[in-house]
Amino acid sequence: MQVRSTVRLNMPRIQQLTGAAVKALELTAEALHTEVVQAQVFPFDTGNLQNESTFVDYRDSGNGKVTLVSSAPYARRLYYHPEYHFQTKENPNARGEWYEDWLPGGSKADFVPKAFRQFYKKVGGV
C-alpha cells in the first residue's frame, strides 16, 4: 500500500498572520503602558517619568520583542527602591516596582496574554 500526500502552504495568509502577530504585540505594549498609567502606580512629582520619559520601543517588534522604557535617569533608582516614601497626591498608588502587578505571579499577570489574544484575533481576522 502506498500513500501520497501533498501539502500546500497558503503563504500570503501565513505572512498576513505573521504581520498581525507583530501588530498585536505592539498594540499590547501600548495597552500595557496605558494600563500602568491608569493604575496610577508611577511615582509622580512633575509627571515627567510617567508622561514624557516612559514609552514603548518598537525597534525589535519584527523579532517578537517590544520594550517599555523609562528613560529618565532616576527611574531605575526609584523602581528598585520600594522603601522610599513616594508622595501620593497625584498618583494615590505610587510606589517602587510599579510593574510588579503585571509580571508573572502578580495580581494582573493575565492582562498581557489576554490583550495579545484579543488584538491578534482582531488584526489577524481570526
C-alpha atoms as a PDB file:
ATOM      1  CA  MET A   1       0.000   0.000   0.000  1.00  0.00           C
ATOM      2  CA  GLN A   2       1.341   3.405  -0.990  1.00  0.00           C
ATOM      3  CA  VAL A   3       0.224   6.663   0.455  1.00  0.00           C
ATOM      4  CA  ARG A   4       0.917  10.065  -1.012  1.00  0.00           C
ATOM      5  CA  SER A   5       0.126  13.427   0.379  1.00  0.00           C
ATOM      6  CA  THR A   6       0.585  16.951  -0.813  1.00  0.00           C
ATOM      7  CA  VAL A   7       0.871  19.932   1.473  1.00  0.00           C
ATOM      8  CA  ARG A   8       0.162  23.366   0.072  1.00  0.00           C
ATOM      9  CA  LEU A   9       1.009  26.289   2.259  1.00  0.00           C
ATOM     10  CA  ASN A  10      -1.033  29.430   1.921  1.00  0.00           C
ATOM     11  CA  MET A  11       1.990  31.746   2.111  1.00  0.00           C
ATOM     12  CA  PRO A  12       0.054  35.018   1.740  1.00  0.00           C
ATOM     13  CA  ARG A  13      -2.119  34.048   4.734  1.00  0.00           C
ATOM     14  CA  ILE A  14       0.924  32.962   6.756  1.00  0.00           C
ATOM     15  CA  GLN A  15       2.583  36.312   6.049  1.00  0.00           C
ATOM     16  CA  GLN A  16      -0.626  38.116   6.974  1.00  0.00           C
ATOM     17  CA  LEU A  17      -0.827  36.262  10.298  1.00  0.00           C
ATOM     18  CA  THR A  18       2.854  36.933  10.995  1.00  0.00           C
ATOM     19  CA  GLY A  19       2.290  40.643  10.402  1.00  0.00           C
ATOM     20  CA  ALA A  20      -0.796  40.505  12.593  1.00  0.00           C
ATOM     21  CA  ALA A  21       1.258  38.995  15.414  1.00  0.00           C
ATOM     22  CA  VAL A  22       3.766  41.856  15.195  1.00  0.00           C
ATOM     23  CA  LYS A  23       0.996  44.471  15.167  1.00  0.00           C
ATOM     24  CA  ALA A  24      -0.779  42.734  18.070  1.00  0.00           C
ATOM     25  CA  LEU A  25       2.481  42.756  20.042  1.00  0.00           C
ATOM     26  CA  GLU A  26       2.868  46.500  19.500  1.00  0.00           C
ATOM     27  CA  LEU A  27      -0.760  47.169  20.454  1.00  0.00           C
ATOM     28  CA  THR A  28      -0.363  45.001  23.562  1.00  0.00           C
ATOM     29  CA  ALA A  29       2.669  47.003  24.682  1.00  0.00           C
ATOM     30  CA  GLU A  30       0.750  50.255  24.230  1.00  0.00           C
ATOM     31  CA  ALA A  31      -2.203  48.816  26.147  1.00  0.00           C
ATOM     32  CA  LEU A  32       0.107  47.769  28.991  1.00  0.00           C
ATOM     33  CA  HIS A  33       1.610  51.244  29.123  1.00  0.00           C
ATOM     34  CA  THR A  34      -1.860  52.780  29.262  1.00  0.00           C
ATOM     35  CA  GLU A  35      -2.966  50.265  31.909  1.00  0.00           C
ATOM     36  CA  VAL A  36       0.005  51.069  34.158  1.00  0.00           C
ATOM     37  CA  VAL A  37      -0.536  54.832  33.803  1.00  0.00           C
ATOM     38  CA  GLN A  38      -4.245  54.474  34.587  1.00  0.00           C
ATOM     39  CA  ALA A  39      -3.451  52.345  37.642  1.00  0.00           C
ATOM     40  CA  GLN A  40      -1.597  55.407  38.977  1.00  0.00           C
ATOM     41  CA  VAL A  41       1.373  53.454  40.285  1.00  0.00           C
ATOM     42  CA  PHE A  42       4.170  55.598  38.825  1.00  0.00           C
ATOM     43  CA  PRO A  43       5.939  57.898  41.260  1.00  0.00           C
ATOM     44  CA  PHE A  44       4.658  61.344  40.313  1.00  0.00           C
ATOM     45  CA  ASP A  45       6.274  64.652  41.147  1.00  0.00           C
ATOM     46  CA  THR A  46       6.248  66.661  37.920  1.00  0.00           C
ATOM     47  CA  GLY A  47       4.786  63.898  35.749  1.00  0.00           C
ATOM     48  CA  ASN A  48       7.913  63.640  33.603  1.00  0.00           C
ATOM     49  CA  LEU A  49       8.621  59.971  34.399  1.00  0.00           C
ATOM     50  CA  GLN A  50       5.084  58.843  33.649  1.00  0.00           C
ATOM     51  CA  ASN A  51       4.194  61.131  30.756  1.00  0.00           C
ATOM     52  CA  GLU A  52       7.299  62.055  28.770  1.00  0.00           C
ATOM     53  CA  SER A  53      10.025  59.627  29.792  1.00  0.00           C
ATOM     54  CA  THR A  54       8.151  56.326  29.565  1.00  0.00           C
ATOM     55  CA  PHE A  55       7.394  54.976  26.108  1.00  0.00           C
ATOM     56  CA  VAL A  56       7.187  51.784  24.057  1.00  0.00           C
ATOM     57  CA  ASP A  57      10.250  50.919  21.964  1.00  0.00           C
ATOM     58  CA  TYR A  58       9.178  49.079  18.789  1.00  0.00           C
ATOM     59  CA  ARG A  59      12.611  48.730  17.150  1.00  0.00           C
ATOM     60  CA  ASP A  60      12.717  44.949  17.527  1.00  0.00           C
ATOM     61  CA  SER A  61       8.998  44.192  17.166  1.00  0.00           C
ATOM     62  CA  GLY A  62       9.612  42.243  13.954  1.00  0.00           C
ATOM     63  CA  ASN A  63      11.611  39.780  16.052  1.00  0.00           C
ATOM     64  CA  GLY A  64       8.892  39.461  18.685  1.00  0.00           C
ATOM     65  CA  LYS A  65      10.272  41.932  21.211  1.00  0.00           C
ATOM     66  CA  VAL A  66       8.994  45.306  22.375  1.00  0.00           C
ATOM     67  CA  THR A  67      10.251  47.163  25.400  1.00  0.00           C
ATOM     68  CA  LEU A  68       8.550  49.516  27.820  1.00  0.00           C
ATOM     69  CA  VAL A  69      11.282  52.067  28.516  1.00  0.00           C
ATOM     70  CA  SER A  70      11.576  54.684  31.247  1.00  0.00           C
ATOM     71  CA  SER A  71      14.415  56.886  30.038  1.00  0.00           C
ATOM     72  CA  ALA A  72      14.617  59.290  32.978  1.00  0.00           C
ATOM     73  CA  PRO A  73      17.990  58.943  34.725  1.00  0.00           C
ATOM     74  CA  TYR A  74      16.340  58.442  38.114  1.00  0.00           C
ATOM     75  CA  ALA A  75      13.796  55.792  37.003  1.00  0.00           C
ATOM     76  CA  ARG A  76      15.988  52.815  37.914  1.00  0.00           C
ATOM     77  CA  ARG A  77      16.702  54.164  41.396  1.00  0.00           C
ATOM     78  CA  LEU A  78      13.008  54.759  42.068  1.00  0.00           C
ATOM     79  CA  TYR A  79      11.915  51.407  40.643  1.00  0.00           C
ATOM     80  CA  TYR A  80      14.323  49.259  42.646  1.00  0.00           C
ATOM     81  CA  HIS A  81      13.839  51.073  45.954  1.00  0.00           C
ATOM     82  CA  PRO A  82      10.242  50.496  47.031  1.00  0.00           C
ATOM     83  CA  GLU A  83      11.181  51.523  50.565  1.00  0.00           C
ATOM     84  CA  TYR A  84      11.174  55.186  49.503  1.00  0.00           C
ATOM     85  CA  HIS A  85       8.180  57.181  50.685  1.00  0.00           C
ATOM     86  CA  PHE A  86       6.509  58.297  47.464  1.00  0.00           C
ATOM     87  CA  GLN A  87       4.084  61.187  47.517  1.00  0.00           C
ATOM     88  CA  THR A  88       0.574  60.104  46.635  1.00  0.00           C
ATOM     89  CA  LYS A  89      -1.100  63.410  45.868  1.00  0.00           C
ATOM     90  CA  GLU A  90      -1.254  62.911  42.066  1.00  0.00           C
ATOM     91  CA  ASN A  91      -0.981  59.124  41.910  1.00  0.00           C
ATOM     92  CA  PRO A  92      -2.519  57.583  45.027  1.00  0.00           C
ATOM     93  CA  ASN A  93      -0.947  54.166  44.332  1.00  0.00           C
ATOM     94  CA  ALA A  94       2.577  55.456  43.618  1.00  0.00           C
ATOM     95  CA  ARG A  95       5.318  53.057  44.630  1.00  0.00           C
ATOM     96  CA  GLY A  96       8.555  51.435  43.560  1.00  0.00           C
ATOM     97  CA  GLU A  97       8.460  48.289  41.425  1.00  0.00           C
ATOM     98  CA  TRP A  98       5.373  49.669  39.682  1.00  0.00           C
ATOM     99  CA  TYR A  99       5.275  46.892  37.045  1.00  0.00           C
ATOM    100  CA  GLU A 100       5.148  44.036  39.580  1.00  0.00           C
ATOM    101  CA  ASP A 101       1.372  43.540  39.337  1.00  0.00           C
ATOM    102  CA  TRP A 102       1.677  42.773  35.603  1.00  0.00           C
ATOM    103  CA  LEU A 103       4.644  40.403  35.876  1.00  0.00           C
ATOM    104  CA  PRO A 104       4.212  36.615  36.300  1.00  0.00           C
ATOM    105  CA  GLY A 105       2.749  35.926  39.718  1.00  0.00           C
ATOM    106  CA  GLY A 106       1.284  39.420  40.013  1.00  0.00           C
ATOM    107  CA  SER A 107      -2.374  40.202  40.506  1.00  0.00           C
ATOM    108  CA  LYS A 108      -2.768  41.353  36.880  1.00  0.00           C
ATOM    109  CA  ALA A 109      -0.416  38.843  35.252  1.00  0.00           C
ATOM    110  CA  ASP A 110      -3.111  37.703  32.830  1.00  0.00           C
ATOM    111  CA  PHE A 111      -3.539  41.185  31.309  1.00  0.00           C
ATOM    112  CA  VAL A 112      -0.835  40.860  28.647  1.00  0.00           C
ATOM    113  CA  PRO A 113      -1.764  37.391  27.314  1.00  0.00           C
ATOM    114  CA  LYS A 114      -5.449  38.334  27.179  1.00  0.00           C
ATOM    115  CA  ALA A 115      -4.741  41.649  25.457  1.00  0.00           C
ATOM    116  CA  PHE A 116      -2.442  39.996  22.913  1.00  0.00           C
ATOM    117  CA  ARG A 117      -5.051  37.337  22.172  1.00  0.00           C
ATOM    118  CA  GLN A 118      -7.751  39.955  21.593  1.00  0.00           C
ATOM    119  CA  PHE A 119      -5.545  42.143  19.387  1.00  0.00           C
ATOM    120  CA  TYR A 120      -4.305  39.156  17.381  1.00  0.00           C
ATOM    121  CA  LYS A 121      -7.841  37.985  16.699  1.00  0.00           C
ATOM    122  CA  LYS A 122      -8.901  41.456  15.656  1.00  0.00           C
ATOM    123  CA  VAL A 123      -5.889  42.310  13.487  1.00  0.00           C
ATOM    124  CA  GLY A 124      -5.443  38.810  12.049  1.00  0.00           C
ATOM    125  CA  GLY A 125      -9.082  38.286  11.244  1.00  0.00           C
ATOM    126  CA  VAL A 126      -9.139  35.029  13.142  1.00  0.00           C
END
